[in-house]
Amino acid sequence: MTEIFSSTVTNNMQGVFGELNIAIDQNVYEMQYSTNIRAKIMENYLTTTFKDELYNTPMSEFYNNYGAFVLKKFITGGRATAFYVGLYKQEATTAVKEKALDNEISGSFSFKNVGASET
């Protein structure tokens, strides 16, 4: 898209441009973290090697090896973007052209078989 839209200058009064963005947020996961859960994680899920590294390695070296962040929330789903360009062959105001393109964009996709809804 960079090659098509970044340097093209249009002086055509009949041109109409549109964009469609679809984002599907399927699920949101967030880690529960209480003192009880923290103790269970420490006891059951951290390897002996990792615990040894955590408590016996200088912090700067630990960050270099493992990073400074812990993932506690993430969203599953997807995103799609479509760009539309058209020529409106009749004389009309910008608002009429935009409405016509909006109708065309809306008619060119559907949410069938993906379990999504329009927002």
PDB file of N, CA and C in Angstrom:
ATOM      1  N   MET A   1       0.810  -1.200   0.000  1.00  0.00           N
ATOM      2  CA  MET A   1       0.000   0.000   0.000  1.00  0.00           C
ATOM      3  C   MET A   1       0.849   1.259   0.000  1.00  0.00           C
ATOM      4  N   THR A   2       2.045   1.188   0.570  1.00  0.00           N
ATOM      5  CA  THR A   2       2.907   2.366   0.590  1.00  0.00           C
ATOM      6  C   THR A   2       3.220   2.825  -0.825  1.00  0.00           C
ATOM      7  N   GLU A   3       3.505   1.883  -1.711  1.00  0.00           N
ATOM      8  CA  GLU A   3       3.852   2.250  -3.073  1.00  0.00           C
ATOM      9  C   GLU A   3       2.671   2.863  -3.815  1.00  0.00           C
ATOM     10  N   ILE A   4       1.475   2.411  -3.523  1.00  0.00           N
ATOM     11  CA  ILE A   4       0.304   2.890  -4.249  1.00  0.00           C
ATOM     12  C   ILE A   4      -0.155   4.256  -3.748  1.00  0.00           C
ATOM     13  N   PHE A   5      -0.256   4.418  -2.430  1.00  0.00           N
ATOM     14  CA  PHE A   5      -0.915   5.606  -1.894  1.00  0.00           C
ATOM     15  C   PHE A   5       0.032   6.683  -1.384  1.00  0.00           C
ATOM     16  N   SER A   6       1.293   6.400  -1.160  1.00  0.00           N
ATOM     17  CA  SER A   6       2.149   7.395  -0.518  1.00  0.00           C
ATOM     18  C   SER A   6       2.525   8.550  -1.433  1.00  0.00           C
ATOM     19  N   SER A   7       2.734   8.293  -2.713  1.00  0.00           N
ATOM     20  CA  SER A   7       3.225   9.371  -3.559  1.00  0.00           C
ATOM     21  C   SER A   7       2.284   9.735  -4.696  1.00  0.00           C
ATOM     22  N   THR A   8       1.142   9.115  -4.781  1.00  0.00           N
ATOM     23  CA  THR A   8       0.213   9.412  -5.854  1.00  0.00           C
ATOM     24  C   THR A   8      -0.615  10.639  -5.489  1.00  0.00           C
ATOM     25  N   VAL A   9      -0.604  11.626  -6.380  1.00  0.00           N
ATOM     26  CA  VAL A   9      -1.403  12.832  -6.182  1.00  0.00           C
ATOM     27  C   VAL A   9      -2.539  12.785  -7.196  1.00  0.00           C
ATOM     28  N   THR A  10      -3.756  12.940  -6.714  1.00  0.00           N
ATOM     29  CA  THR A  10      -4.922  12.863  -7.593  1.00  0.00           C
ATOM     30  C   THR A  10      -5.564  14.228  -7.711  1.00  0.00           C
ATOM     31  N   ASN A  11      -5.687  14.697  -8.942  1.00  0.00           N
ATOM     32  CA  ASN A  11      -6.366  15.962  -9.200  1.00  0.00           C
ATOM     33  C   ASN A  11      -7.723  15.729  -9.849  1.00  0.00           C
ATOM     34  N   ASN A  12      -8.230  14.518  -9.763  1.00  0.00           N
ATOM     35  CA  ASN A  12      -9.486  14.148 -10.379  1.00  0.00           C
ATOM     36  C   ASN A  12     -10.635  14.475  -9.435  1.00  0.00           C
ATOM     37  N   MET A  13     -11.600  15.253  -9.886  1.00  0.00           N
ATOM     38  CA  MET A  13     -12.733  15.642  -9.053  1.00  0.00           C
ATOM     39  C   MET A  13     -13.737  14.504  -8.890  1.00  0.00           C
ATOM     40  N   GLN A  14     -13.585  13.430  -9.665  1.00  0.00           N
ATOM     41  CA  GLN A  14     -14.518  12.320  -9.588  1.00  0.00           C
ATOM     42  C   GLN A  14     -14.008  11.187  -8.694  1.00  0.00           C
ATOM     43  N   GLY A  15     -12.790  11.288  -8.204  1.00  0.00           N
ATOM     44  CA  GLY A  15     -12.231  10.223  -7.392  1.00  0.00           C
ATOM     45  C   GLY A  15     -12.819  10.172  -5.999  1.00  0.00           C
ATOM     46  N   VAL A  16     -13.066   8.961  -5.518  1.00  0.00           N
ATOM     47  CA  VAL A  16     -13.519   8.755  -4.145  1.00  0.00           C
ATOM     48  C   VAL A  16     -12.645   7.679  -3.522  1.00  0.00           C
ATOM     49  N   PHE A  17     -12.342   7.842  -2.250  1.00  0.00           N
ATOM     50  CA  PHE A  17     -11.443   6.943  -1.551  1.00  0.00           C
ATOM     51  C   PHE A  17     -12.096   6.499  -0.248  1.00  0.00           C
ATOM     52  N   GLY A  18     -11.865   5.269   0.128  1.00  0.00           N
ATOM     53  CA  GLY A  18     -12.441   4.766   1.372  1.00  0.00           C
ATOM     54  C   GLY A  18     -11.543   3.726   2.019  1.00  0.00           C
ATOM     55  N   GLU A  19     -11.844   3.431   3.245  1.00  0.00           N
ATOM     56  CA  GLU A  19     -11.065   2.457   4.002  1.00  0.00           C
ATOM     57  C   GLU A  19     -12.013   1.681   4.905  1.00  0.00           C
ATOM     58  N   LEU A  20     -11.808   0.384   4.986  1.00  0.00           N
ATOM     59  CA  LEU A  20     -12.596  -0.478   5.859  1.00  0.00           C
ATOM     60  C   LEU A  20     -11.646  -1.159   6.836  1.00  0.00           C
ATOM     61  N   ASN A  21     -11.912  -1.029   8.130  1.00  0.00           N
ATOM     62  CA  ASN A  21     -11.115  -1.680   9.164  1.00  0.00           C
ATOM     63  C   ASN A  21     -12.011  -2.624   9.951  1.00  0.00           C
ATOM     64  N   ILE A  22     -11.568  -3.850  10.099  1.00  0.00           N
ATOM     65  CA  ILE A  22     -12.297  -4.828  10.900  1.00  0.00           C
ATOM     66  C   ILE A  22     -11.346  -5.350  11.969  1.00  0.00           C
ATOM     67  N   ALA A  23     -11.761  -5.260  13.209  1.00  0.00           N
ATOM     68  CA  ALA A  23     -10.989  -5.816  14.325  1.00  0.00           C
ATOM     69  C   ALA A  23     -11.894  -6.778  15.084  1.00  0.00           C
ATOM     70  N   ILE A  24     -11.420  -7.997  15.268  1.00  0.00           N
ATOM     71  CA  ILE A  24     -12.193  -8.999  15.991  1.00  0.00           C
ATOM     72  C   ILE A  24     -11.453  -9.329  17.278  1.00  0.00           C
ATOM     73  N   ASP A  25     -12.065  -8.980  18.391  1.00  0.00           N
ATOM     74  CA  ASP A  25     -11.517  -9.323  19.696  1.00  0.00           C
ATOM     75  C   ASP A  25     -12.256 -10.562  20.182  1.00  0.00           C
ATOM     76  N   GLN A  26     -11.627 -11.713  19.990  1.00  0.00           N
ATOM     77  CA  GLN A  26     -12.305 -12.953  20.321  1.00  0.00           C
ATOM     78  C   GLN A  26     -12.392 -13.182  21.827  1.00  0.00           C
ATOM     79  N   ASN A  27     -11.282 -13.129  22.505  1.00  0.00           N
ATOM     80  CA  ASN A  27     -11.250 -13.363  23.943  1.00  0.00           C
ATOM     81  C   ASN A  27     -10.184 -12.474  24.583  1.00  0.00           C
ATOM     82  N   VAL A  28     -10.403 -12.136  25.825  1.00  0.00           N
ATOM     83  CA  VAL A  28      -9.413 -11.412  26.606  1.00  0.00           C
ATOM     84  C   VAL A  28      -9.042 -12.292  27.786  1.00  0.00           C
ATOM     85  N   TYR A  29      -7.760 -12.511  27.946  1.00  0.00           N
ATOM     86  CA  TYR A  29      -7.272 -13.331  29.054  1.00  0.00           C
ATOM     87  C   TYR A  29      -6.467 -12.459  29.994  1.00  0.00           C
ATOM     88  N   GLU A  30      -6.684 -12.623  31.262  1.00  0.00           N
ATOM     89  CA  GLU A  30      -5.926 -11.868  32.253  1.00  0.00           C
ATOM     90  C   GLU A  30      -5.513 -12.811  33.375  1.00  0.00           C
ATOM     91  N   MET A  31      -4.271 -12.711  33.761  1.00  0.00           N
ATOM     92  CA  MET A  31      -3.743 -13.581  34.803  1.00  0.00           C
ATOM     93  C   MET A  31      -4.214 -13.110  36.178  1.00  0.00           C
ATOM     94  N   GLN A  32      -4.775 -14.036  36.939  1.00  0.00           N
ATOM     95  CA  GLN A  32      -5.138 -13.727  38.317  1.00  0.00           C
ATOM     96  C   GLN A  32      -3.867 -13.808  39.153  1.00  0.00           C
ATOM     97  N   TYR A  33      -3.756 -12.907  40.103  1.00  0.00           N
ATOM     98  CA  TYR A  33      -2.508 -12.880  40.865  1.00  0.00           C
ATOM     99  C   TYR A  33      -2.777 -12.452  42.301  1.00  0.00           C
ATOM    100  N   SER A  34      -3.000 -13.415  43.160  1.00  0.00           N
ATOM    101  CA  SER A  34      -3.143 -13.156  44.588  1.00  0.00           C
ATOM    102  C   SER A  34      -1.953 -13.795  45.292  1.00  0.00           C
ATOM    103  N   THR A  35      -1.825 -13.585  46.581  1.00  0.00           N
ATOM    104  CA  THR A  35      -0.703 -14.209  47.306  1.00  0.00           C
ATOM    105  C   THR A  35      -0.810 -15.726  47.271  1.00  0.00           C
ATOM    106  N   ASN A  36      -2.021 -16.245  47.289  1.00  0.00           N
ATOM    107  CA  ASN A  36      -2.217 -17.689  47.195  1.00  0.00           C
ATOM    108  C   ASN A  36      -1.747 -18.224  45.842  1.00  0.00           C
ATOM    109  N   ILE A  37      -2.174 -17.547  44.766  1.00  0.00           N
ATOM    110  CA  ILE A  37      -1.767 -17.974  43.419  1.00  0.00           C
ATOM    111  C   ILE A  37      -0.264 -17.801  43.244  1.00  0.00           C
ATOM    112  N   ARG A  38       0.289 -16.719  43.764  1.00  0.00           N
ATOM    113  CA  ARG A  38       1.738 -16.485  43.659  1.00  0.00           C
ATOM    114  C   ARG A  38       2.507 -17.644  44.308  1.00  0.00           C
ATOM    115  N   ALA A  39       2.060 -18.067  45.465  1.00  0.00           N
ATOM    116  CA  ALA A  39       2.731 -19.182  46.146  1.00  0.00           C
ATOM    117  C   ALA A  39       2.632 -20.465  45.334  1.00  0.00           C
ATOM    118  N   LYS A  40       1.469 -20.711  44.728  1.00  0.00           N
ATOM    119  CA  LYS A  40       1.300 -21.919  43.913  1.00  0.00           C
ATOM    120  C   LYS A  40       2.168 -21.877  42.659  1.00  0.00           C
ATOM    121  N   ILE A  41       2.270 -20.692  42.052  1.00  0.00           N
ATOM    122  CA  ILE A  41       3.141 -20.551  40.882  1.00  0.00           C
ATOM    123  C   ILE A  41       4.589 -20.832  41.269  1.00  0.00           C
ATOM    124  N   MET A  42       5.034 -20.225  42.356  1.00  0.00           N
ATOM    125  CA  MET A  42       6.415 -20.431  42.814  1.00  0.00           C
ATOM    126  C   MET A  42       6.683 -21.906  43.120  1.00  0.00           C
ATOM    127  N   GLU A  43       5.705 -22.564  43.715  1.00  0.00           N
ATOM    128  CA  GLU A  43       5.886 -23.944  44.141  1.00  0.00           C
ATOM    129  C   GLU A  43       5.779 -24.939  42.992  1.00  0.00           C
ATOM    130  N   ASN A  44       4.818 -24.718  42.085  1.00  0.00           N
ATOM    131  CA  ASN A  44       4.501 -25.753  41.097  1.00  0.00           C
ATOM    132  C   ASN A  44       4.948 -25.485  39.660  1.00  0.00           C
ATOM    133  N   TYR A  45       5.165 -24.229  39.281  1.00  0.00           N
ATOM    134  CA  TYR A  45       5.360 -23.946  37.863  1.00  0.00           C
ATOM    135  C   TYR A  45       6.729 -23.384  37.488  1.00  0.00           C
ATOM    136  N   LEU A  46       7.493 -22.886  38.423  1.00  0.00           N
ATOM    137  CA  LEU A  46       8.810 -22.361  38.100  1.00  0.00           C
ATOM    138  C   LEU A  46       9.837 -23.472  38.268  1.00  0.00           C
ATOM    139  N   THR A  47      10.658 -23.637  37.265  1.00  0.00           N
ATOM    140  CA  THR A  47      11.680 -24.687  37.343  1.00  0.00           C
ATOM    141  C   THR A  47      12.736 -24.306  38.370  1.00  0.00           C
ATOM    142  N   THR A  48      13.437 -25.289  38.835  1.00  0.00           N
ATOM    143  CA  THR A  48      14.512 -25.065  39.796  1.00  0.00           C
ATOM    144  C   THR A  48      15.576 -24.160  39.204  1.00  0.00           C
ATOM    145  N   THR A  49      15.883 -24.357  37.956  1.00  0.00           N
ATOM    146  CA  THR A  49      16.898 -23.528  37.288  1.00  0.00           C
ATOM    147  C   THR A  49      16.460 -22.067  37.236  1.00  0.00           C
ATOM    148  N   PHE A  50      15.195 -21.822  36.872  1.00  0.00           N
ATOM    149  CA  PHE A  50      14.709 -20.456  36.801  1.00  0.00           C
ATOM    150  C   PHE A  50      14.731 -19.789  38.180  1.00  0.00           C
ATOM    151  N   LYS A  51      14.292 -20.505  39.207  1.00  0.00           N
ATOM    152  CA  LYS A  51      14.317 -19.943  40.565  1.00  0.00           C
ATOM    153  C   LYS A  51      15.748 -19.628  40.992  1.00  0.00           C
ATOM    154  N   ASP A  52      16.666 -20.497  40.656  1.00  0.00           N
ATOM    155  CA  ASP A  52      18.077 -20.258  40.979  1.00  0.00           C
ATOM    156  C   ASP A  52      18.579 -18.998  40.270  1.00  0.00           C
ATOM    157  N   GLU A  53      18.220 -18.854  38.999  1.00  0.00           N
ATOM    158  CA  GLU A  53      18.590 -17.653  38.240  1.00  0.00           C
ATOM    159  C   GLU A  53      17.953 -16.407  38.854  1.00  0.00           C
ATOM    160  N   LEU A  54      16.697 -16.497  39.225  1.00  0.00           N
ATOM    161  CA  LEU A  54      15.960 -15.367  39.782  1.00  0.00           C
ATOM    162  C   LEU A  54      16.603 -14.847  41.067  1.00  0.00           C
ATOM    163  N   TYR A  55      17.010 -15.746  41.930  1.00  0.00           N
ATOM    164  CA  TYR A  55      17.505 -15.337  43.245  1.00  0.00           C
ATOM    165  C   TYR A  55      19.019 -15.192  43.321  1.00  0.00           C
ATOM    166  N   ASN A  56      19.755 -15.706  42.350  1.00  0.00           N
ATOM    167  CA  ASN A  56      21.220 -15.708  42.460  1.00  0.00           C
ATOM    168  C   ASN A  56      21.943 -15.021  41.298  1.00  0.00           C
ATOM    169  N   THR A  57      21.222 -14.382  40.415  1.00  0.00           N
ATOM    170  CA  THR A  57      21.832 -13.682  39.291  1.00  0.00           C
ATOM    171  C   THR A  57      21.613 -12.181  39.484  1.00  0.00           C
ATOM    172  N   PRO A  58      22.606 -11.350  39.189  1.00  0.00           N
ATOM    173  CA  PRO A  58      22.401  -9.892  39.270  1.00  0.00           C
ATOM    174  C   PRO A  58      21.233  -9.470  38.376  1.00  0.00           C
ATOM    175  N   MET A  59      20.452  -8.486  38.831  1.00  0.00           N
ATOM    176  CA  MET A  59      19.247  -8.078  38.122  1.00  0.00           C
ATOM    177  C   MET A  59      19.499  -7.712  36.662  1.00  0.00           C
ATOM    178  N   SER A  60      20.550  -6.959  36.383  1.00  0.00           N
ATOM    179  CA  SER A  60      20.823  -6.554  34.999  1.00  0.00           C
ATOM    180  C   SER A  60      21.041  -7.778  34.107  1.00  0.00           C
ATOM    181  N   GLU A  61      21.737  -8.755  34.611  1.00  0.00           N
ATOM    182  CA  GLU A  61      21.976  -9.977  33.833  1.00  0.00           C
ATOM    183  C   GLU A  61      20.674 -10.780  33.671  1.00  0.00           C
ATOM    184  N   PHE A  62      19.872 -10.829  34.736  1.00  0.00           N
ATOM    185  CA  PHE A  62      18.589 -11.532  34.670  1.00  0.00           C
ATOM    186  C   PHE A  62      17.687 -10.890  33.607  1.00  0.00           C
ATOM    187  N   TYR A  63      17.612  -9.540  33.604  1.00  0.00           N
ATOM    188  CA  TYR A  63      16.810  -8.835  32.596  1.00  0.00           C
ATOM    189  C   TYR A  63      17.320  -9.099  31.192  1.00  0.00           C
ATOM    190  N   ASN A  64      18.640  -9.133  31.021  1.00  0.00           N
ATOM    191  CA  ASN A  64      19.198  -9.419  29.700  1.00  0.00           C
ATOM    192  C   ASN A  64      18.817 -10.817  29.225  1.00  0.00           C
ATOM    193  N   ASN A  65      18.740 -11.769  30.152  1.00  0.00           N
ATOM    194  CA  ASN A  65      18.415 -13.147  29.785  1.00  0.00           C
ATOM    195  C   ASN A  65      16.921 -13.380  29.596  1.00  0.00           C
ATOM    196  N   TYR A  66      16.093 -12.794  30.474  1.00  0.00           N
ATOM    197  CA  TYR A  66      14.661 -13.111  30.489  1.00  0.00           C
ATOM    198  C   TYR A  66      13.750 -11.947  30.125  1.00  0.00           C
ATOM    199  N   GLY A  67      14.253 -10.738  30.118  1.00  0.00           N
ATOM    200  CA  GLY A  67      13.412  -9.577  29.845  1.00  0.00           C
ATOM    201  C   GLY A  67      12.829  -9.016  31.129  1.00  0.00           C
ATOM    202  N   ALA A  68      12.290  -7.811  31.031  1.00  0.00           N
ATOM    203  CA  ALA A  68      11.816  -7.111  32.221  1.00  0.00           C
ATOM    204  C   ALA A  68      10.305  -7.201  32.398  1.00  0.00           C
ATOM    205  N   PHE A  69       9.588  -7.810  31.456  1.00  0.00           N
ATOM    206  CA  PHE A  69       8.136  -7.766  31.508  1.00  0.00           C
ATOM    207  C   PHE A  69       7.531  -9.151  31.678  1.00  0.00           C
ATOM    208  N   VAL A  70       6.401  -9.188  32.345  1.00  0.00           N
ATOM    209  CA  VAL A  70       5.635 -10.412  32.516  1.00  0.00           C
ATOM    210  C   VAL A  70       4.289 -10.201  31.837  1.00  0.00           C
ATOM    211  N   LEU A  71       3.929 -11.112  30.960  1.00  0.00           N
ATOM    212  CA  LEU A  71       2.648 -11.026  30.281  1.00  0.00           C
ATOM    213  C   LEU A  71       1.540 -11.349  31.270  1.00  0.00           C
ATOM    214  N   LYS A  72       0.624 -10.403  31.464  1.00  0.00           N
ATOM    215  CA  LYS A  72      -0.478 -10.659  32.389  1.00  0.00           C
ATOM    216  C   LYS A  72      -1.843 -10.518  31.731  1.00  0.00           C
ATOM    217  N   LYS A  73      -1.899  -9.935  30.519  1.00  0.00           N
ATOM    218  CA  LYS A  73      -3.172  -9.787  29.828  1.00  0.00           C
ATOM    219  C   LYS A  73      -2.916  -9.811  28.324  1.00  0.00           C
ATOM    220  N   PHE A  74      -3.742 -10.558  27.586  1.00  0.00           N
ATOM    221  CA  PHE A  74      -3.617 -10.519  26.139  1.00  0.00           C
ATOM    222  C   PHE A  74      -4.974 -10.783  25.500  1.00  0.00           C
ATOM    223  N   ILE A  75      -5.115 -10.331  24.252  1.00  0.00           N
ATOM    224  CA  ILE A  75      -6.366 -10.426  23.512  1.00  0.00           C
ATOM    225  C   ILE A  75      -6.125 -11.292  22.285  1.00  0.00           C
ATOM    226  N   THR A  76      -7.023 -12.238  22.032  1.00  0.00           N
ATOM    227  CA  THR A  76      -6.931 -13.039  20.811  1.00  0.00           C
ATOM    228  C   THR A  76      -7.944 -12.506  19.810  1.00  0.00           C
ATOM    229  N   GLY A  77      -7.672 -12.694  18.546  1.00  0.00           N
ATOM    230  CA  GLY A  77      -8.577 -12.228  17.498  1.00  0.00           C
ATOM    231  C   GLY A  77      -7.794 -11.914  16.251  1.00  0.00           C
ATOM    232  N   GLY A  78      -8.236 -10.922  15.508  1.00  0.00           N
ATOM    233  CA  GLY A  78      -7.556 -10.571  14.271  1.00  0.00           C
ATOM    234  C   GLY A  78      -7.957  -9.197  13.792  1.00  0.00           C
ATOM    235  N   ARG A  79      -7.304  -8.755  12.728  1.00  0.00           N
ATOM    236  CA  ARG A  79      -7.579  -7.438  12.167  1.00  0.00           C
ATOM    237  C   ARG A  79      -7.390  -7.504  10.651  1.00  0.00           C
ATOM    238  N   ALA A  80      -8.261  -6.811   9.936  1.00  0.00           N
ATOM    239  CA  ALA A  80      -8.147  -6.723   8.477  1.00  0.00           C
ATOM    240  C   ALA A  80      -8.414  -5.285   8.061  1.00  0.00           C
ATOM    241  N   THR A  81      -7.704  -4.840   7.045  1.00  0.00           N
ATOM    242  CA  THR A  81      -7.885  -3.495   6.500  1.00  0.00           C
ATOM    243  C   THR A  81      -8.005  -3.590   4.988  1.00  0.00           C
ATOM    244  N   ALA A  82      -8.966  -2.871   4.405  1.00  0.00           N
ATOM    245  CA  ALA A  82      -9.119  -2.821   2.953  1.00  0.00           C
ATOM    246  C   ALA A  82      -9.202  -1.362   2.527  1.00  0.00           C
ATOM    247  N   PHE A  83      -8.536  -1.037   1.432  1.00  0.00           N
ATOM    248  CA  PHE A  83      -8.576   0.312   0.871  1.00  0.00           C
ATOM    249  C   PHE A  83      -9.385   0.277  -0.413  1.00  0.00           C
ATOM    250  N   TYR A  84     -10.249   1.267  -0.587  1.00  0.00           N
ATOM    251  CA  TYR A  84     -11.097   1.341  -1.762  1.00  0.00           C
ATOM    252  C   TYR A  84     -10.816   2.642  -2.508  1.00  0.00           C
ATOM    253  N   VAL A  85     -10.782   2.548  -3.841  1.00  0.00           N
ATOM    254  CA  VAL A  85     -10.640   3.721  -4.696  1.00  0.00           C
ATOM    255  C   VAL A  85     -11.637   3.559  -5.834  1.00  0.00           C
ATOM    256  N   GLY A  86     -12.340   4.621  -6.152  1.00  0.00           N
ATOM    257  CA  GLY A  86     -13.299   4.537  -7.246  1.00  0.00           C
ATOM    258  C   GLY A  86     -13.458   5.863  -7.955  1.00  0.00           C
ATOM    259  N   LEU A  87     -14.060   5.796  -9.122  1.00  0.00           N
ATOM    260  CA  LEU A  87     -14.402   7.003  -9.875  1.00  0.00           C
ATOM    261  C   LEU A  87     -15.917   7.124  -9.896  1.00  0.00           C
ATOM    262  N   TYR A  88     -16.413   8.267  -9.482  1.00  0.00           N
ATOM    263  CA  TYR A  88     -17.841   8.548  -9.495  1.00  0.00           C
ATOM    264  C   TYR A  88     -18.129   9.247 -10.810  1.00  0.00           C
ATOM    265  N   LYS A  89     -18.899   8.607 -11.692  1.00  0.00           N
ATOM    266  CA  LYS A  89     -19.034   9.086 -13.065  1.00  0.00           C
ATOM    267  C   LYS A  89     -20.111  10.153 -13.256  1.00  0.00           C
ATOM    268  N   GLN A  90     -20.808  10.523 -12.210  1.00  0.00           N
ATOM    269  CA  GLN A  90     -21.840  11.552 -12.331  1.00  0.00           C
ATOM    270  C   GLN A  90     -21.415  12.788 -11.546  1.00  0.00           C
ATOM    271  N   GLU A  91     -22.053  13.903 -11.844  1.00  0.00           N
ATOM    272  CA  GLU A  91     -21.815  15.111 -11.066  1.00  0.00           C
ATOM    273  C   GLU A  91     -22.544  14.966  -9.734  1.00  0.00           C
ATOM    274  N   ALA A  92     -21.820  15.166  -8.626  1.00  0.00           N
ATOM    275  CA  ALA A  92     -22.440  15.037  -7.305  1.00  0.00           C
ATOM    276  C   ALA A  92     -21.580  15.749  -6.282  1.00  0.00           C
ATOM    277  N   THR A  93     -22.183  16.043  -5.151  1.00  0.00           N
ATOM    278  CA  THR A  93     -21.423  16.655  -4.062  1.00  0.00           C
ATOM    279  C   THR A  93     -20.525  15.603  -3.416  1.00  0.00           C
ATOM    280  N   THR A  94     -19.569  16.064  -2.648  1.00  0.00           N
ATOM    281  CA  THR A  94     -18.664  15.152  -1.942  1.00  0.00           C
ATOM    282  C   THR A  94     -19.435  14.244  -0.994  1.00  0.00           C
ATOM    283  N   ALA A  95     -20.437  14.802  -0.310  1.00  0.00           N
ATOM    284  CA  ALA A  95     -21.232  14.008   0.633  1.00  0.00           C
ATOM    285  C   ALA A  95     -21.955  12.862  -0.083  1.00  0.00           C
ATOM    286  N   VAL A  96     -22.508  13.120  -1.268  1.00  0.00           N
ATOM    287  CA  VAL A  96     -23.206  12.082  -2.033  1.00  0.00           C
ATOM    288  C   VAL A  96     -22.216  11.006  -2.484  1.00  0.00           C
ATOM    289  N   LYS A  97     -21.039  11.430  -2.950  1.00  0.00           N
ATOM    290  CA  LYS A  97     -20.011  10.465  -3.367  1.00  0.00           C
ATOM    291  C   LYS A  97     -19.573   9.582  -2.200  1.00  0.00           C
ATOM    292  N   GLU A  98     -19.347  10.206  -1.038  1.00  0.00           N
ATOM    293  CA  GLU A  98     -18.920   9.446   0.137  1.00  0.00           C
ATOM    294  C   GLU A  98     -19.995   8.454   0.568  1.00  0.00           C
ATOM    295  N   LYS A  99     -21.261   8.857   0.531  1.00  0.00           N
ATOM    296  CA  LYS A  99     -22.362   7.970   0.911  1.00  0.00           C
ATOM    297  C   LYS A  99     -22.441   6.783  -0.055  1.00  0.00           C
ATOM    298  N   ALA A 100     -22.281   7.046  -1.333  1.00  0.00           N
ATOM    299  CA  ALA A 100     -22.331   5.971  -2.332  1.00  0.00           C
ATOM    300  C   ALA A 100     -21.174   4.985  -2.108  1.00  0.00           C
ATOM    301  N   LEU A 101     -19.980   5.499  -1.846  1.00  0.00           N
ATOM    302  CA  LEU A 101     -18.840   4.618  -1.596  1.00  0.00           C
ATOM    303  C   LEU A 101     -19.035   3.836  -0.308  1.00  0.00           C
ATOM    304  N   ASP A 102     -19.579   4.489   0.713  1.00  0.00           N
ATOM    305  CA  ASP A 102     -19.856   3.804   1.973  1.00  0.00           C
ATOM    306  C   ASP A 102     -20.814   2.635   1.747  1.00  0.00           C
ATOM    307  N   ASN A 103     -21.841   2.849   0.928  1.00  0.00           N
ATOM    308  CA  ASN A 103     -22.778   1.762   0.600  1.00  0.00           C
ATOM    309  C   ASN A 103     -22.075   0.629  -0.140  1.00  0.00           C
ATOM    310  N   GLU A 104     -21.172   0.966  -1.051  1.00  0.00           N
ATOM    311  CA  GLU A 104     -20.427  -0.055  -1.791  1.00  0.00           C
ATOM    312  C   GLU A 104     -19.514  -0.851  -0.867  1.00  0.00           C
ATOM    313  N   ILE A 105     -18.829  -0.147   0.026  1.00  0.00           N
ATOM    314  CA  ILE A 105     -17.943  -0.827   0.979  1.00  0.00           C
ATOM    315  C   ILE A 105     -18.763  -1.747   1.877  1.00  0.00           C
ATOM    316  N   SER A 106     -19.873  -1.243   2.403  1.00  0.00           N
ATOM    317  CA  SER A 106     -20.716  -2.057   3.284  1.00  0.00           C
ATOM    318  C   SER A 106     -21.265  -3.280   2.564  1.00  0.00           C
ATOM    319  N   GLY A 107     -21.523  -3.151   1.256  1.00  0.00           N
ATOM    320  CA  GLY A 107     -22.047  -4.275   0.482  1.00  0.00           C
ATOM    321  C   GLY A 107     -20.983  -5.260   0.037  1.00  0.00           C
ATOM    322  N   SER A 108     -19.709  -4.938   0.247  1.00  0.00           N
ATOM    323  CA  SER A 108     -18.640  -5.800  -0.261  1.00  0.00           C
ATOM    324  C   SER A 108     -18.094  -6.769   0.766  1.00  0.00           C
ATOM    325  N   PHE A 109     -18.639  -6.763   1.976  1.00  0.00           N
ATOM    326  CA  PHE A 109     -18.171  -7.702   2.991  1.00  0.00           C
ATOM    327  C   PHE A 109     -19.349  -8.141   3.845  1.00  0.00           C
ATOM    328  N   SER A 110     -19.173  -9.260   4.507  1.00  0.00           N
ATOM    329  CA  SER A 110     -20.176  -9.693   5.481  1.00  0.00           C
ATOM    330  C   SER A 110     -19.465 -10.464   6.585  1.00  0.00           C
ATOM    331  N   PHE A 111     -20.172 -10.666   7.688  1.00  0.00           N
ATOM    332  CA  PHE A 111     -19.600 -11.353   8.825  1.00  0.00           C
ATOM    333  C   PHE A 111     -20.037 -12.813   8.886  1.00  0.00           C
ATOM    334  N   LYS A 112     -20.515 -13.378   7.791  1.00  0.00           N
ATOM    335  CA  LYS A 112     -20.966 -14.753   7.794  1.00  0.00           C
ATOM    336  C   LYS A 112     -19.842 -15.704   8.200  1.00  0.00           C
ATOM    337  N   ASN A 113     -20.197 -16.715   8.934  1.00  0.00           N
ATOM    338  CA  ASN A 113     -19.290 -17.827   9.297  1.00  0.00           C
ATOM    339  C   ASN A 113     -18.085 -17.450  10.119  1.00  0.00           C
ATOM    340  N   VAL A 114     -18.051 -16.248  10.705  1.00  0.00           N
ATOM    341  CA  VAL A 114     -16.924 -15.910  11.573  1.00  0.00           C
ATOM    342  C   VAL A 114     -17.360 -15.623  13.002  1.00  0.00           C
ATOM    343  N   GLY A 115     -18.656 -15.612  13.231  1.00  0.00           N
ATOM    344  CA  GLY A 115     -19.150 -15.396  14.589  1.00  0.00           C
ATOM    345  C   GLY A 115     -18.859 -14.010  15.123  1.00  0.00           C
ATOM    346  N   ALA A 116     -18.775 -13.033  14.249  1.00  0.00           N
ATOM    347  CA  ALA A 116     -18.469 -11.664  14.672  1.00  0.00           C
ATOM    348  C   ALA A 116     -19.702 -10.798  14.509  1.00  0.00           C
ATOM    349  N   SER A 117     -19.654  -9.638  15.087  1.00  0.00           N
ATOM    350  CA  SER A 117     -20.743  -8.683  14.912  1.00  0.00           C
ATOM    351  C   SER A 117     -20.163  -7.314  14.619  1.00  0.00           C
ATOM    352  N   GLU A 118     -20.905  -6.505  13.898  1.00  0.00           N
ATOM    353  CA  GLU A 118     -20.444  -5.174  13.514  1.00  0.00           C
ATOM    354  C   GLU A 118     -20.614  -4.224  14.681  1.00  0.00           C
ATOM    355  N   THR A 119     -19.578  -3.407  14.927  1.00  0.00           N
ATOM    356  CA  THR A 119     -19.659  -2.405  15.987  1.00  0.00           C
ATOM    357  C   THR A 119     -19.490  -1.028  15.403  1.00  0.00           C
TER     358      THR A 119
END
